[in-house]
Amino acid sequence: MPVERWGLGVADNAISTTPMPLPEDRGLQLNLVGVLGATSLVGTCLLPMLTEAGWRVTAFSRRAVGLLDDKVAWRLVSSPPVVEPLVIRPAYQTVTTKSLISPLASEERVSFWICIAPIWLLPEYFALLDAQGARRVVVVSSTSRFTKDDSTDPEERSIALRLADAEARVQEWAESRDVEWVILRPTLIYGLGRDKNIAEIARFIRRFGFFPLFGEASGLRQPIHVVDVAGACLSALQASCATNRAYNISGGETLTYRNMVIGVFSALCRRPRLLIVPLWAFRLAVTMLRHLRRYRQWSTAMAERMNRDMVFDHAEATRDLNFKPRAFVLSPEDVVI
């Protein structure tokens, strides 16, 4: 039976209901964590997990937040950040100034951090983390650094390079300051109807009634639910054995791209209608679709990858983070647009 501890309407079959122990005392503010990118899809799931596990959360976002939560202190940040005094208070407070912040000596410092914003943005906040006396940082990257590095689309190759460069910069910065780091690289993230993968397929099917495939679309995929990504972030924050390591985290089921799309049709209660098209026709369709704002990021490289395996072993994450991702079973919430 689905567990709705976090009000997400998704099954919790991968995350223990018993909070893990907080990190051992090393002279730090043990239960205070800063979250960058807190309004992201992963952040939606992560914040309630953190508070339930006993952490006090200071959440940073580039846009104003309307929902109140007395367990989370929100900070509105600028880009690039402006360094000004930061006061961390236990009560909820919305800060509408531009800034980020070095604390006074008498104030609490945020020693633990999770970055779920795009990893290439994190270097902009190194000064903030330095000022706060960061001691451990968990960062979400992507397996796209491997799967798109040889893409025929120059924009996708650029993304792969940015991911690899950002990971190297994070490690260099952290190790030069004796800061513990953990990098998580999820595969194809989906969930809650807000992702750019499964939700995009569902939108296309709703709008056009079919979905185009290139060839057999036999390439293997391991979709990972956003709740499992958030759970891995929490585990990485607290697991001492994960210090200074990078982990690929993939979904609990491996299936072909074709069967993944069929799963979306099933979740929408629709009979699968798959249109097999040659690459030239896909290229023409993408050229037309990119005139629509929703599909500007589509490319023929997406079609080419439909027949390419994109599979990653998550055995190390299972060993060190107790990572046990769910199988690819879509709930109605995952395809509600």
C-alpha atoms as a PDB file:
ATOM      1  CA  MET A   1       0.000   0.000   0.000  1.00  0.00           C
ATOM      2  CA  PRO A   2       1.409   3.431  -0.882  1.00  0.00           C
ATOM      3  CA  VAL A   3       2.767   5.440   2.007  1.00  0.00           C
ATOM      4  CA  GLU A   4       2.039   9.172   1.848  1.00  0.00           C
ATOM      5  CA  ARG A   5       4.268  10.391   4.675  1.00  0.00           C
ATOM      6  CA  TRP A   6       5.412  13.360   2.653  1.00  0.00           C
ATOM      7  CA  GLY A   7       2.087  14.174   1.048  1.00  0.00           C
ATOM      8  CA  LEU A   8       3.430  13.148  -2.342  1.00  0.00           C
ATOM      9  CA  GLY A   9       0.995  10.370  -3.151  1.00  0.00           C
ATOM     10  CA  VAL A  10       3.814   8.015  -4.153  1.00  0.00           C
ATOM     11  CA  ALA A  11       4.817   4.684  -2.766  1.00  0.00           C
ATOM     12  CA  ASP A  12       7.626   4.670  -0.236  1.00  0.00           C
ATOM     13  CA  ASN A  13       9.091   1.249  -0.743  1.00  0.00           C
ATOM     14  CA  ALA A  14      12.712   2.292  -0.891  1.00  0.00           C
ATOM     15  CA  ILE A  15      13.256   4.532   2.104  1.00  0.00           C
ATOM     16  CA  SER A  16      13.273   3.442   5.708  1.00  0.00           C
ATOM     17  CA  THR A  17      10.666   4.991   7.980  1.00  0.00           C
ATOM     18  CA  THR A  18      13.244   5.032  10.781  1.00  0.00           C
ATOM     19  CA  PRO A  19      15.463   8.134  10.569  1.00  0.00           C
ATOM     20  CA  MET A  20      19.180   7.427  10.262  1.00  0.00           C
ATOM     21  CA  PRO A  21      21.356   8.811  13.053  1.00  0.00           C
ATOM     22  CA  LEU A  22      22.638  12.319  12.500  1.00  0.00           C
ATOM     23  CA  PRO A  23      26.384  12.765  11.960  1.00  0.00           C
ATOM     24  CA  GLU A  24      28.666  12.389  14.948  1.00  0.00           C
ATOM     25  CA  ASP A  25      29.706  15.451  16.920  1.00  0.00           C
ATOM     26  CA  ARG A  26      32.724  17.123  15.353  1.00  0.00           C
ATOM     27  CA  GLY A  27      32.158  20.552  16.851  1.00  0.00           C
ATOM     28  CA  LEU A  28      29.551  21.387  14.221  1.00  0.00           C
ATOM     29  CA  GLN A  29      25.895  22.416  14.257  1.00  0.00           C
ATOM     30  CA  LEU A  30      24.841  18.837  13.697  1.00  0.00           C
ATOM     31  CA  ASN A  31      21.210  19.140  12.716  1.00  0.00           C
ATOM     32  CA  LEU A  32      21.289  22.198  10.437  1.00  0.00           C
ATOM     33  CA  VAL A  33      21.485  21.703   6.672  1.00  0.00           C
ATOM     34  CA  GLY A  34      21.397  24.163   3.786  1.00  0.00           C
ATOM     35  CA  VAL A  35      19.649  23.149   0.552  1.00  0.00           C
ATOM     36  CA  LEU A  36      20.426  24.891  -2.743  1.00  0.00           C
ATOM     37  CA  GLY A  37      17.770  24.476  -5.431  1.00  0.00           C
ATOM     38  CA  ALA A  38      15.107  23.770  -2.828  1.00  0.00           C
ATOM     39  CA  THR A  39      12.123  24.494  -5.103  1.00  0.00           C
ATOM     40  CA  SER A  40      13.246  21.935  -7.683  1.00  0.00           C
ATOM     41  CA  LEU A  41      11.476  18.636  -8.247  1.00  0.00           C
ATOM     42  CA  VAL A  42      13.955  16.781  -6.035  1.00  0.00           C
ATOM     43  CA  GLY A  43      13.677  19.543  -3.428  1.00  0.00           C
ATOM     44  CA  THR A  44       9.916  19.052  -3.191  1.00  0.00           C
ATOM     45  CA  CYS A  45      10.566  15.523  -1.950  1.00  0.00           C
ATOM     46  CA  LEU A  46      13.779  16.147  -0.029  1.00  0.00           C
ATOM     47  CA  LEU A  47      12.737  18.932   2.349  1.00  0.00           C
ATOM     48  CA  PRO A  48      10.060  16.926   4.215  1.00  0.00           C
ATOM     49  CA  MET A  49      12.404  13.936   4.372  1.00  0.00           C
ATOM     50  CA  LEU A  50      15.064  16.065   6.032  1.00  0.00           C
ATOM     51  CA  THR A  51      12.734  17.543   8.634  1.00  0.00           C
ATOM     52  CA  GLU A  52      11.270  14.136   9.433  1.00  0.00           C
ATOM     53  CA  ALA A  53      14.798  12.782   9.924  1.00  0.00           C
ATOM     54  CA  GLY A  54      15.482  15.467  12.526  1.00  0.00           C
ATOM     55  CA  TRP A  55      17.307  18.069  10.438  1.00  0.00           C
ATOM     56  CA  ARG A  56      16.587  21.790  10.620  1.00  0.00           C
ATOM     57  CA  VAL A  57      16.535  23.086   7.069  1.00  0.00           C
ATOM     58  CA  THR A  58      17.536  26.405   5.564  1.00  0.00           C
ATOM     59  CA  ALA A  59      16.284  26.283   1.985  1.00  0.00           C
ATOM     60  CA  PHE A  60      17.690  28.558  -0.719  1.00  0.00           C
ATOM     61  CA  SER A  61      15.816  29.455  -3.892  1.00  0.00           C
ATOM     62  CA  ARG A  62      16.070  31.990  -6.691  1.00  0.00           C
ATOM     63  CA  ARG A  63      12.329  32.560  -6.718  1.00  0.00           C
ATOM     64  CA  ALA A  64       9.882  33.562  -3.997  1.00  0.00           C
ATOM     65  CA  VAL A  65       8.146  30.752  -2.129  1.00  0.00           C
ATOM     66  CA  GLY A  66       4.489  31.117  -1.210  1.00  0.00           C
ATOM     67  CA  LEU A  67       3.964  27.989   0.888  1.00  0.00           C
ATOM     68  CA  LEU A  68       4.706  28.307   4.599  1.00  0.00           C
ATOM     69  CA  ASP A  69       6.428  25.575   6.542  1.00  0.00           C
ATOM     70  CA  ASP A  70       7.452  26.226  10.129  1.00  0.00           C
ATOM     71  CA  LYS A  71      10.158  23.552   9.861  1.00  0.00           C
ATOM     72  CA  VAL A  72      11.966  25.193   6.946  1.00  0.00           C
ATOM     73  CA  ALA A  73      13.608  28.637   6.888  1.00  0.00           C
ATOM     74  CA  TRP A  74      13.601  30.009   3.351  1.00  0.00           C
ATOM     75  CA  ARG A  75      16.187  32.316   1.794  1.00  0.00           C
ATOM     76  CA  LEU A  76      15.804  34.087  -1.534  1.00  0.00           C
ATOM     77  CA  VAL A  77      19.152  34.181  -3.315  1.00  0.00           C
ATOM     78  CA  SER A  78      20.556  36.086  -6.228  1.00  0.00           C
ATOM     79  CA  SER A  79      22.839  34.924  -9.011  1.00  0.00           C
ATOM     80  CA  PRO A  80      25.642  35.583  -8.656  1.00  0.00           C
ATOM     81  CA  PRO A  81      25.177  35.650  -4.882  1.00  0.00           C
ATOM     82  CA  VAL A  82      25.835  38.792  -2.874  1.00  0.00           C
ATOM     83  CA  VAL A  83      27.730  38.201   0.358  1.00  0.00           C
ATOM     84  CA  GLU A  84      25.897  39.842   3.257  1.00  0.00           C
ATOM     85  CA  PRO A  85      25.249  38.832   6.884  1.00  0.00           C
ATOM     86  CA  LEU A  86      23.114  35.682   7.117  1.00  0.00           C
ATOM     87  CA  VAL A  87      21.116  35.041  10.257  1.00  0.00           C
ATOM     88  CA  ILE A  88      19.879  31.470  10.660  1.00  0.00           C
ATOM     89  CA  ARG A  89      16.861  31.427  12.954  1.00  0.00           C
ATOM     90  CA  PRO A  90      14.892  28.383  14.126  1.00  0.00           C
ATOM     91  CA  ALA A  91      11.546  29.869  13.110  1.00  0.00           C
ATOM     92  CA  TYR A  92      10.238  30.205   9.567  1.00  0.00           C
ATOM     93  CA  GLN A  93      11.354  33.380   7.881  1.00  0.00           C
ATOM     94  CA  THR A  94      11.105  34.577   4.330  1.00  0.00           C
ATOM     95  CA  VAL A  95      14.001  36.778   3.303  1.00  0.00           C
ATOM     96  CA  THR A  96      13.372  39.009   0.331  1.00  0.00           C
ATOM     97  CA  THR A  97      16.761  40.699   0.238  1.00  0.00           C
ATOM     98  CA  LYS A  98      19.246  39.654  -2.321  1.00  0.00           C
ATOM     99  CA  SER A  99      21.430  37.843  -0.131  1.00  0.00           C
ATOM    100  CA  LEU A 100      23.842  35.308   0.822  1.00  0.00           C
ATOM    101  CA  ILE A 101      25.875  35.821   3.588  1.00  0.00           C
ATOM    102  CA  SER A 102      28.593  35.302   6.078  1.00  0.00           C
ATOM    103  CA  PRO A 103      27.402  34.849   9.658  1.00  0.00           C
ATOM    104  CA  LEU A 104      28.464  36.721  12.725  1.00  0.00           C
ATOM    105  CA  ALA A 105      30.481  34.701  15.200  1.00  0.00           C
ATOM    106  CA  SER A 106      27.522  34.372  17.561  1.00  0.00           C
ATOM    107  CA  GLU A 107      25.219  32.950  14.897  1.00  0.00           C
ATOM    108  CA  GLU A 108      24.713  29.378  13.767  1.00  0.00           C
ATOM    109  CA  ARG A 109      26.744  28.231  10.813  1.00  0.00           C
ATOM    110  CA  VAL A 110      25.392  25.875   8.169  1.00  0.00           C
ATOM    111  CA  SER A 111      28.015  23.130   8.025  1.00  0.00           C
ATOM    112  CA  PHE A 112      26.078  20.565   5.972  1.00  0.00           C
ATOM    113  CA  TRP A 113      24.826  21.256   2.445  1.00  0.00           C
ATOM    114  CA  ILE A 114      22.873  19.575  -0.333  1.00  0.00           C
ATOM    115  CA  CYS A 115      22.901  21.052  -3.835  1.00  0.00           C
ATOM    116  CA  ILE A 116      20.067  19.893  -6.072  1.00  0.00           C
ATOM    117  CA  ALA A 117      20.340  22.905  -8.364  1.00  0.00           C
ATOM    118  CA  PRO A 118      22.252  22.244 -11.604  1.00  0.00           C
ATOM    119  CA  ILE A 119      25.746  21.268 -10.463  1.00  0.00           C
ATOM    120  CA  TRP A 120      27.433  23.848 -12.709  1.00  0.00           C
ATOM    121  CA  LEU A 121      25.791  26.595 -10.610  1.00  0.00           C
ATOM    122  CA  LEU A 122      27.404  25.435  -7.373  1.00  0.00           C
ATOM    123  CA  PRO A 123      30.764  27.183  -7.966  1.00  0.00           C
ATOM    124  CA  GLU A 124      28.866  30.493  -7.781  1.00  0.00           C
ATOM    125  CA  TYR A 125      28.136  29.637  -4.146  1.00  0.00           C
ATOM    126  CA  PHE A 126      31.597  28.497  -3.042  1.00  0.00           C
ATOM    127  CA  ALA A 127      32.066  31.846  -1.262  1.00  0.00           C
ATOM    128  CA  LEU A 128      28.845  31.273   0.669  1.00  0.00           C
ATOM    129  CA  LEU A 129      29.878  27.765   1.681  1.00  0.00           C
ATOM    130  CA  ASP A 130      33.314  29.050   2.685  1.00  0.00           C
ATOM    131  CA  ALA A 131      31.751  31.775   4.813  1.00  0.00           C
ATOM    132  CA  GLN A 132      29.459  29.254   6.470  1.00  0.00           C
ATOM    133  CA  GLY A 133      32.299  26.878   7.295  1.00  0.00           C
ATOM    134  CA  ALA A 134      30.885  24.047   5.184  1.00  0.00           C
ATOM    135  CA  ARG A 135      32.150  20.631   6.241  1.00  0.00           C
ATOM    136  CA  ARG A 136      30.126  18.284   4.035  1.00  0.00           C
ATOM    137  CA  VAL A 137      28.338  18.815   0.725  1.00  0.00           C
ATOM    138  CA  VAL A 138      26.133  16.425  -1.260  1.00  0.00           C
ATOM    139  CA  VAL A 139      25.738  17.349  -4.918  1.00  0.00           C
ATOM    140  CA  VAL A 140      23.413  15.950  -7.577  1.00  0.00           C
ATOM    141  CA  SER A 141      24.963  15.636 -11.033  1.00  0.00           C
ATOM    142  CA  SER A 142      23.741  13.314 -13.822  1.00  0.00           C
ATOM    143  CA  THR A 143      24.758  10.244 -15.803  1.00  0.00           C
ATOM    144  CA  SER A 144      24.300  12.499 -18.845  1.00  0.00           C
ATOM    145  CA  ARG A 145      27.976  13.365 -18.399  1.00  0.00           C
ATOM    146  CA  PHE A 146      28.605   9.885 -19.846  1.00  0.00           C
ATOM    147  CA  THR A 147      25.607   9.313 -22.136  1.00  0.00           C
ATOM    148  CA  LYS A 148      25.758  12.645 -23.987  1.00  0.00           C
ATOM    149  CA  ASP A 149      29.496  13.122 -24.312  1.00  0.00           C
ATOM    150  CA  ASP A 150      29.476  11.748 -27.873  1.00  0.00           C
ATOM    151  CA  SER A 151      26.058  13.070 -28.920  1.00  0.00           C
ATOM    152  CA  THR A 152      25.549  14.342 -32.453  1.00  0.00           C
ATOM    153  CA  ASP A 153      23.896  17.410 -30.901  1.00  0.00           C
ATOM    154  CA  PRO A 154      26.492  20.040 -29.907  1.00  0.00           C
ATOM    155  CA  GLU A 155      24.208  21.382 -27.179  1.00  0.00           C
ATOM    156  CA  GLU A 156      24.059  17.947 -25.568  1.00  0.00           C
ATOM    157  CA  ARG A 157      27.837  17.534 -25.785  1.00  0.00           C
ATOM    158  CA  SER A 158      28.134  20.911 -24.109  1.00  0.00           C
ATOM    159  CA  ILE A 159      25.912  19.723 -21.253  1.00  0.00           C
ATOM    160  CA  ALA A 160      28.087  16.641 -20.765  1.00  0.00           C
ATOM    161  CA  LEU A 161      31.207  18.823 -20.650  1.00  0.00           C
ATOM    162  CA  ARG A 162      29.601  21.220 -18.168  1.00  0.00           C
ATOM    163  CA  LEU A 163      28.663  18.327 -15.890  1.00  0.00           C
ATOM    164  CA  ALA A 164      32.149  16.812 -15.991  1.00  0.00           C
ATOM    165  CA  ASP A 165      33.812  20.188 -15.459  1.00  0.00           C
ATOM    166  CA  ALA A 166      31.497  21.062 -12.576  1.00  0.00           C
ATOM    167  CA  GLU A 167      32.155  17.741 -10.854  1.00  0.00           C
ATOM    168  CA  ALA A 168      35.907  18.354 -11.119  1.00  0.00           C
ATOM    169  CA  ARG A 169      35.556  21.894  -9.748  1.00  0.00           C
ATOM    170  CA  VAL A 170      33.465  20.712  -6.814  1.00  0.00           C
ATOM    171  CA  GLN A 171      36.008  18.042  -5.910  1.00  0.00           C
ATOM    172  CA  GLU A 172      38.943  20.446  -6.274  1.00  0.00           C
ATOM    173  CA  TRP A 173      37.258  23.106  -4.137  1.00  0.00           C
ATOM    174  CA  ALA A 174      36.189  20.629  -1.453  1.00  0.00           C
ATOM    175  CA  GLU A 175      39.521  18.852  -1.173  1.00  0.00           C
ATOM    176  CA  SER A 176      41.437  22.133  -1.017  1.00  0.00           C
ATOM    177  CA  ARG A 177      39.371  23.073   2.056  1.00  0.00           C
ATOM    178  CA  ASP A 178      39.095  19.640   3.680  1.00  0.00           C
ATOM    179  CA  VAL A 179      35.343  19.599   2.965  1.00  0.00           C
ATOM    180  CA  GLU A 180      33.725  16.184   2.610  1.00  0.00           C
ATOM    181  CA  TRP A 181      31.925  15.715  -0.708  1.00  0.00           C
ATOM    182  CA  VAL A 182      29.508  13.204  -2.215  1.00  0.00           C
ATOM    183  CA  ILE A 183      28.355  13.318  -5.837  1.00  0.00           C
ATOM    184  CA  LEU A 184      25.210  11.491  -6.961  1.00  0.00           C
ATOM    185  CA  ARG A 185      24.552  10.861 -10.643  1.00  0.00           C
ATOM    186  CA  PRO A 186      20.940   9.790 -11.255  1.00  0.00           C
ATOM    187  CA  THR A 187      19.765   8.327 -14.530  1.00  0.00           C
ATOM    188  CA  LEU A 188      16.470   9.407 -16.118  1.00  0.00           C
ATOM    189  CA  ILE A 189      14.489  11.116 -13.309  1.00  0.00           C
ATOM    190  CA  TYR A 190      10.698  10.998 -13.290  1.00  0.00           C
ATOM    191  CA  GLY A 191       7.842  11.584 -10.876  1.00  0.00           C
ATOM    192  CA  LEU A 192       4.985  13.824  -9.740  1.00  0.00           C
ATOM    193  CA  GLY A 193       4.262  14.967 -13.297  1.00  0.00           C
ATOM    194  CA  ARG A 194       6.965  17.649 -13.097  1.00  0.00           C
ATOM    195  CA  ASP A 195       9.962  15.963 -14.686  1.00  0.00           C
ATOM    196  CA  LYS A 196      11.361  16.577 -18.165  1.00  0.00           C
ATOM    197  CA  ASN A 197      11.369  12.931 -19.158  1.00  0.00           C
ATOM    198  CA  ILE A 198       8.309  10.768 -18.507  1.00  0.00           C
ATOM    199  CA  ALA A 199       6.076  13.810 -18.006  1.00  0.00           C
ATOM    200  CA  GLU A 200       7.153  15.163 -21.402  1.00  0.00           C
ATOM    201  CA  ILE A 201       6.259  11.869 -23.053  1.00  0.00           C
ATOM    202  CA  ALA A 202       2.877  11.973 -21.306  1.00  0.00           C
ATOM    203  CA  ARG A 203       2.270  15.547 -22.507  1.00  0.00           C
ATOM    204  CA  PHE A 204       3.049  14.562 -26.074  1.00  0.00           C
ATOM    205  CA  ILE A 205       0.707  11.574 -25.919  1.00  0.00           C
ATOM    206  CA  ARG A 206      -2.098  13.675 -24.429  1.00  0.00           C
ATOM    207  CA  ARG A 207      -1.682  16.291 -27.141  1.00  0.00           C
ATOM    208  CA  PHE A 208      -1.166  14.115 -30.225  1.00  0.00           C
ATOM    209  CA  GLY A 209      -2.530  10.702 -29.221  1.00  0.00           C
ATOM    210  CA  PHE A 210       0.577   8.793 -30.331  1.00  0.00           C
ATOM    211  CA  PHE A 211       4.326   8.734 -29.755  1.00  0.00           C
ATOM    212  CA  PRO A 212       7.038   8.523 -32.457  1.00  0.00           C
ATOM    213  CA  LEU A 213       9.833   5.965 -32.164  1.00  0.00           C
ATOM    214  CA  PHE A 214      12.998   5.572 -34.206  1.00  0.00           C
ATOM    215  CA  GLY A 215      13.517   1.954 -35.232  1.00  0.00           C
ATOM    216  CA  GLU A 216      12.872  -0.685 -32.583  1.00  0.00           C
ATOM    217  CA  ALA A 217      13.605   1.747 -29.713  1.00  0.00           C
ATOM    218  CA  SER A 218      15.365  -1.172 -28.026  1.00  0.00           C
ATOM    219  CA  GLY A 219      17.859   0.841 -26.008  1.00  0.00           C
ATOM    220  CA  LEU A 220      17.762  -0.027 -22.317  1.00  0.00           C
ATOM    221  CA  ARG A 221      16.725   2.505 -19.666  1.00  0.00           C
ATOM    222  CA  GLN A 222      16.577   2.606 -15.850  1.00  0.00           C
ATOM    223  CA  PRO A 223      14.124   5.390 -14.909  1.00  0.00           C
ATOM    224  CA  ILE A 224      14.573   6.540 -11.308  1.00  0.00           C
ATOM    225  CA  HIS A 225      11.757   8.037  -9.269  1.00  0.00           C
ATOM    226  CA  VAL A 226      12.427  11.459  -7.785  1.00  0.00           C
ATOM    227  CA  VAL A 227      11.620  10.198  -4.273  1.00  0.00           C
ATOM    228  CA  ASP A 228      14.438   7.663  -4.598  1.00  0.00           C
ATOM    229  CA  VAL A 229      16.818  10.430  -5.681  1.00  0.00           C
ATOM    230  CA  ALA A 230      15.821  12.519  -2.661  1.00  0.00           C
ATOM    231  CA  GLY A 231      16.260   9.510  -0.388  1.00  0.00           C
ATOM    232  CA  ALA A 232      19.762   8.958  -1.764  1.00  0.00           C
ATOM    233  CA  CYS A 233      20.605  12.599  -0.975  1.00  0.00           C
ATOM    234  CA  LEU A 234      19.517  12.144   2.628  1.00  0.00           C
ATOM    235  CA  SER A 235      21.488   8.919   2.980  1.00  0.00           C
ATOM    236  CA  ALA A 236      24.595  10.498   1.440  1.00  0.00           C
ATOM    237  CA  LEU A 237      24.373  13.378   3.905  1.00  0.00           C
ATOM    238  CA  GLN A 238      24.523  10.989   6.844  1.00  0.00           C
ATOM    239  CA  ALA A 239      26.676   8.070   5.628  1.00  0.00           C
ATOM    240  CA  SER A 240      30.298   8.452   6.679  1.00  0.00           C
ATOM    241  CA  CYS A 241      31.370   5.634   4.341  1.00  0.00           C
ATOM    242  CA  ALA A 242      30.229   7.723   1.354  1.00  0.00           C
ATOM    243  CA  THR A 243      32.723  10.509   2.041  1.00  0.00           C
ATOM    244  CA  ASN A 244      34.595  11.756  -1.044  1.00  0.00           C
ATOM    245  CA  ARG A 245      32.893   9.334  -3.410  1.00  0.00           C
ATOM    246  CA  ALA A 246      30.711   9.605  -6.526  1.00  0.00           C
ATOM    247  CA  TYR A 247      27.801   7.241  -7.107  1.00  0.00           C
ATOM    248  CA  ASN A 248      25.700   6.401 -10.152  1.00  0.00           C
ATOM    249  CA  ILE A 249      22.123   5.876  -8.994  1.00  0.00           C
ATOM    250  CA  SER A 250      19.682   4.180 -11.349  1.00  0.00           C
ATOM    251  CA  GLY A 251      16.127   2.911 -11.148  1.00  0.00           C
ATOM    252  CA  GLY A 252      15.155  -0.503  -9.860  1.00  0.00           C
ATOM    253  CA  GLU A 253      14.050  -1.845 -13.248  1.00  0.00           C
ATOM    254  CA  THR A 254      15.767  -2.069 -16.623  1.00  0.00           C
ATOM    255  CA  LEU A 255      13.498  -1.904 -19.660  1.00  0.00           C
ATOM    256  CA  THR A 256      13.625  -0.870 -23.301  1.00  0.00           C
ATOM    257  CA  TYR A 257      12.778   2.656 -24.361  1.00  0.00           C
ATOM    258  CA  ARG A 258       9.810   1.213 -26.247  1.00  0.00           C
ATOM    259  CA  ASN A 259       8.417  -0.515 -23.149  1.00  0.00           C
ATOM    260  CA  MET A 260       9.006   2.616 -21.107  1.00  0.00           C
ATOM    261  CA  VAL A 261       6.790   4.573 -23.510  1.00  0.00           C
ATOM    262  CA  ILE A 262       4.184   1.807 -23.455  1.00  0.00           C
ATOM    263  CA  GLY A 263       4.185   2.144 -19.664  1.00  0.00           C
ATOM    264  CA  VAL A 264       3.264   5.815 -20.042  1.00  0.00           C
ATOM    265  CA  PHE A 265       0.342   4.924 -22.313  1.00  0.00           C
ATOM    266  CA  SER A 266      -0.826   2.412 -19.684  1.00  0.00           C
ATOM    267  CA  ALA A 267      -0.599   4.975 -16.894  1.00  0.00           C
ATOM    268  CA  LEU A 268      -2.731   7.308 -19.026  1.00  0.00           C
ATOM    269  CA  CYS A 269      -5.239   4.477 -19.559  1.00  0.00           C
ATOM    270  CA  ARG A 270      -4.673   4.645 -23.298  1.00  0.00           C
ATOM    271  CA  ARG A 271      -3.996   1.981 -25.866  1.00  0.00           C
ATOM    272  CA  PRO A 272      -0.395   2.288 -27.109  1.00  0.00           C
ATOM    273  CA  ARG A 273      -0.123   4.019 -30.467  1.00  0.00           C
ATOM    274  CA  LEU A 274       3.509   3.936 -31.566  1.00  0.00           C
ATOM    275  CA  LEU A 275       4.542   5.479 -34.865  1.00  0.00           C
ATOM    276  CA  ILE A 276       7.806   4.024 -36.195  1.00  0.00           C
ATOM    277  CA  VAL A 277       9.559   6.680 -38.267  1.00  0.00           C
ATOM    278  CA  PRO A 278      12.905   6.814 -40.113  1.00  0.00           C
ATOM    279  CA  LEU A 279      15.552   9.208 -38.852  1.00  0.00           C
ATOM    280  CA  TRP A 280      15.002  11.695 -41.705  1.00  0.00           C
ATOM    281  CA  ALA A 281      11.306  11.924 -40.820  1.00  0.00           C
ATOM    282  CA  PHE A 282      12.123  12.307 -37.138  1.00  0.00           C
ATOM    283  CA  ARG A 283      14.553  15.104 -38.045  1.00  0.00           C
ATOM    284  CA  LEU A 284      11.837  16.872 -40.027  1.00  0.00           C
ATOM    285  CA  ALA A 285       9.296  16.441 -37.211  1.00  0.00           C
ATOM    286  CA  VAL A 286      11.734  17.795 -34.629  1.00  0.00           C
ATOM    287  CA  THR A 287      12.441  20.825 -36.824  1.00  0.00           C
ATOM    288  CA  MET A 288       8.715  21.585 -36.884  1.00  0.00           C
ATOM    289  CA  LEU A 289       8.129  20.832 -33.194  1.00  0.00           C
ATOM    290  CA  ARG A 290      10.956  23.097 -32.067  1.00  0.00           C
ATOM    291  CA  HIS A 291       8.852  26.054 -33.190  1.00  0.00           C
ATOM    292  CA  LEU A 292       6.681  25.215 -30.180  1.00  0.00           C
ATOM    293  CA  ARG A 293       8.155  26.403 -26.896  1.00  0.00           C
ATOM    294  CA  ARG A 294       7.462  23.090 -25.143  1.00  0.00           C
ATOM    295  CA  TYR A 295       9.630  21.153 -27.614  1.00  0.00           C
ATOM    296  CA  ARG A 296      12.537  23.542 -28.178  1.00  0.00           C
ATOM    297  CA  GLN A 297      14.927  21.171 -26.434  1.00  0.00           C
ATOM    298  CA  TRP A 298      14.063  18.205 -28.641  1.00  0.00           C
ATOM    299  CA  SER A 299      16.717  16.998 -31.095  1.00  0.00           C
ATOM    300  CA  THR A 300      17.402  14.132 -33.471  1.00  0.00           C
ATOM    301  CA  ALA A 301      20.004  12.911 -30.971  1.00  0.00           C
ATOM    302  CA  MET A 302      17.070  11.927 -28.747  1.00  0.00           C
ATOM    303  CA  ALA A 303      15.872   9.577 -31.475  1.00  0.00           C
ATOM    304  CA  GLU A 304      19.339   8.126 -32.002  1.00  0.00           C
ATOM    305  CA  ARG A 305      19.605   7.287 -28.304  1.00  0.00           C
ATOM    306  CA  MET A 306      16.341   5.314 -28.386  1.00  0.00           C
ATOM    307  CA  ASN A 307      18.350   2.320 -29.617  1.00  0.00           C
ATOM    308  CA  ARG A 308      21.337   2.864 -27.324  1.00  0.00           C
ATOM    309  CA  ASP A 309      21.684   1.195 -23.929  1.00  0.00           C
ATOM    310  CA  MET A 310      22.045   3.687 -21.072  1.00  0.00           C
ATOM    311  CA  VAL A 311      22.465   1.383 -18.079  1.00  0.00           C
ATOM    312  CA  PHE A 312      24.398   2.031 -14.866  1.00  0.00           C
ATOM    313  CA  ASP A 313      25.173  -0.260 -11.967  1.00  0.00           C
ATOM    314  CA  HIS A 314      24.111   1.117  -8.571  1.00  0.00           C
ATOM    315  CA  ALA A 315      25.622  -1.663  -6.462  1.00  0.00           C
ATOM    316  CA  GLU A 316      28.013   0.738  -4.701  1.00  0.00           C
ATOM    317  CA  ALA A 317      25.123   3.029  -3.748  1.00  0.00           C
ATOM    318  CA  THR A 318      23.212   0.030  -2.423  1.00  0.00           C
ATOM    319  CA  ARG A 319      26.225  -0.985  -0.334  1.00  0.00           C
ATOM    320  CA  ASP A 320      27.057   2.448   1.103  1.00  0.00           C
ATOM    321  CA  LEU A 321      23.713   4.287   1.050  1.00  0.00           C
ATOM    322  CA  ASN A 322      21.249   1.414   1.474  1.00  0.00           C
ATOM    323  CA  PHE A 323      19.897   2.514  -1.900  1.00  0.00           C
ATOM    324  CA  LYS A 324      16.958   0.347  -2.964  1.00  0.00           C
ATOM    325  CA  PRO A 325      15.111   2.046  -5.831  1.00  0.00           C
ATOM    326  CA  ARG A 326      11.602   1.077  -6.848  1.00  0.00           C
ATOM    327  CA  ALA A 327      10.629  -0.607 -10.099  1.00  0.00           C
ATOM    328  CA  PHE A 328       9.191   1.467 -12.932  1.00  0.00           C
ATOM    329  CA  VAL A 329       5.525   1.532 -11.991  1.00  0.00           C
ATOM    330  CA  LEU A 330       3.841   4.826 -12.825  1.00  0.00           C
ATOM    331  CA  SER A 331       1.196   6.209 -10.493  1.00  0.00           C
ATOM    332  CA  PRO A 332      -1.495   8.636 -11.688  1.00  0.00           C
ATOM    333  CA  GLU A 333       0.447  11.456  -9.989  1.00  0.00           C
ATOM    334  CA  ASP A 334       3.472  10.719 -12.179  1.00  0.00           C
ATOM    335  CA  VAL A 335       1.620  11.486 -15.419  1.00  0.00           C
ATOM    336  CA  VAL A 336      -0.755  14.229 -14.256  1.00  0.00           C
ATOM    337  CA  ILE A 337       0.166  17.313 -16.239  1.00  0.00           C
END
